[in-house]
Amino acid sequence: MGKSLLLGLFTLLCCFRDMDIIQCRMCHLKFPGEKCSRGRGICTGTEDEACMVGRIFKVDGTLWLTFMGCLKNCANVKNIKWSNYLVTFKCCRGYDLCNEYL
């Protein structure tokens, strides 16, 4: 197969990629001021999943923990009380890796 034919096939496959699939940044455990310490990578979400960023805050508003990845039936929520913490979820599906900057 010639190089131009392979390049054309690659371009065609990229253009007709399944639009219901999204890639999301993934990190299971990240503390403030540190790099991702567990589960770093990229996950592939299906049509009923979205990219998300979850943040857990102490009751005084101090960030305690961040996590991100793919989540089924994701919903934006803010300050849900969980024991002595407040939990926030932000979801997106606009483009690949959209949760990197939420």
Protein backbone atom coordinates (compact mmCIF):
# COMPACT_ATOMS: atom_id res chain seq x y z
CA MET A 1 0.00 0.00 0.00
CA GLY A 2 1.36 3.42 -0.89
CA LYS A 3 1.98 6.13 1.68
CA SER A 4 -0.66 8.41 0.18
CA LEU A 5 -3.28 5.65 0.33
CA LEU A 6 -2.46 4.95 4.00
CA LEU A 7 -2.60 8.66 4.82
CA GLY A 8 -5.97 8.96 3.09
CA LEU A 9 -7.34 5.94 4.98
CA PHE A 10 -6.11 7.35 8.30
CA THR A 11 -7.72 10.73 7.54
CA LEU A 12 -11.00 9.06 6.60
CA LEU A 13 -11.06 7.02 9.81
CA CYS A 14 -10.39 10.11 11.93
CA CYS A 15 -13.22 12.04 10.30
CA PHE A 16 -15.82 9.30 10.78
CA ARG A 17 -14.92 8.41 14.35
CA ASP A 18 -17.89 7.54 16.58
CA MET A 19 -19.00 10.92 17.94
CA ASP A 20 -20.63 9.35 21.02
CA ILE A 21 -17.24 8.34 22.43
CA ILE A 22 -15.17 10.85 24.39
CA GLN A 23 -11.72 10.66 25.95
CA CYS A 24 -11.28 12.07 29.44
CA ARG A 25 -8.30 12.84 31.64
CA MET A 26 -8.19 10.40 34.55
CA CYS A 27 -6.69 10.67 38.03
CA HIS A 28 -8.08 8.77 40.99
CA LEU A 29 -6.22 10.68 43.69
CA LYS A 30 -4.70 14.16 43.65
CA PHE A 31 -4.00 16.27 46.72
CA PRO A 32 -3.56 20.07 46.48
CA GLY A 33 -0.09 21.14 45.35
CA GLU A 34 0.83 17.60 44.26
CA LYS A 35 0.78 15.64 41.02
CA CYS A 36 -1.68 12.83 40.44
CA SER A 37 -0.65 10.03 42.78
CA ARG A 38 -3.03 7.22 41.70
CA GLY A 39 -4.83 6.21 38.51
CA ARG A 40 -3.28 8.70 36.11
CA GLY A 41 -4.17 8.30 32.44
CA ILE A 42 -6.99 8.62 29.94
CA CYS A 43 -10.34 6.83 30.01
CA THR A 44 -12.76 6.42 27.12
CA GLY A 45 -16.35 7.32 27.91
CA THR A 46 -19.29 5.76 26.13
CA GLU A 47 -22.44 7.56 24.97
CA ASP A 48 -23.94 7.61 28.50
CA GLU A 49 -20.71 8.77 30.17
CA ALA A 50 -19.13 12.20 30.48
CA CYS A 51 -15.80 13.55 31.64
CA MET A 52 -15.89 14.73 35.23
CA VAL A 53 -13.87 16.43 37.90
CA GLY A 54 -14.77 15.78 41.51
CA ARG A 55 -13.45 17.90 44.34
CA ILE A 56 -13.77 17.29 48.06
CA PHE A 57 -13.51 20.32 50.33
CA LYS A 58 -13.23 20.58 54.09
CA VAL A 59 -16.20 22.33 55.68
CA ASP A 60 -14.10 25.54 55.94
CA GLY A 61 -13.82 25.56 52.11
CA THR A 62 -10.22 24.28 51.89
CA LEU A 63 -9.66 21.87 48.98
CA TRP A 64 -8.75 18.43 50.31
CA LEU A 65 -8.82 16.07 47.30
CA THR A 66 -9.44 16.09 43.52
CA PHE A 67 -10.34 13.14 41.28
CA MET A 68 -11.26 12.93 37.60
CA GLY A 69 -12.27 10.46 34.94
CA CYS A 70 -15.29 9.07 33.07
CA LEU A 71 -18.63 8.89 34.88
CA LYS A 72 -21.93 7.35 33.85
CA ASN A 73 -24.97 9.64 34.16
CA CYS A 74 -22.76 12.50 35.34
CA ALA A 75 -24.50 15.52 36.84
CA ASN A 76 -23.10 18.87 37.96
CA VAL A 77 -23.52 19.20 41.72
CA LYS A 78 -22.11 21.71 44.16
CA ASN A 79 -21.39 21.39 47.87
CA ILE A 80 -23.12 18.11 48.68
CA LYS A 81 -22.50 17.40 52.37
CA TRP A 82 -20.60 14.17 53.01
CA SER A 83 -19.63 13.71 56.68
CA ASN A 84 -17.31 16.64 57.47
CA TYR A 85 -16.72 17.44 53.78
CA LEU A 86 -18.42 19.12 50.83
CA VAL A 87 -18.31 17.40 47.42
CA THR A 88 -18.57 19.09 44.01
CA PHE A 89 -18.84 17.40 40.59
CA LYS A 90 -18.40 19.16 37.24
CA CYS A 91 -19.17 17.29 34.00
CA CYS A 92 -18.44 17.98 30.33
CA ARG A 93 -18.76 16.30 26.90
CA GLY A 94 -17.82 19.13 24.56
CA TYR A 95 -14.49 17.73 23.35
CA ASP A 96 -11.81 15.18 24.27
CA LEU A 97 -10.02 15.86 27.56
CA CYS A 98 -12.50 18.66 28.39
CA ASN A 99 -12.14 17.92 32.12
CA GLU A 100 -8.47 18.97 32.20
CA TYR A 101 -9.38 22.58 32.90
CA LEU A 102 -12.67 22.37 34.82
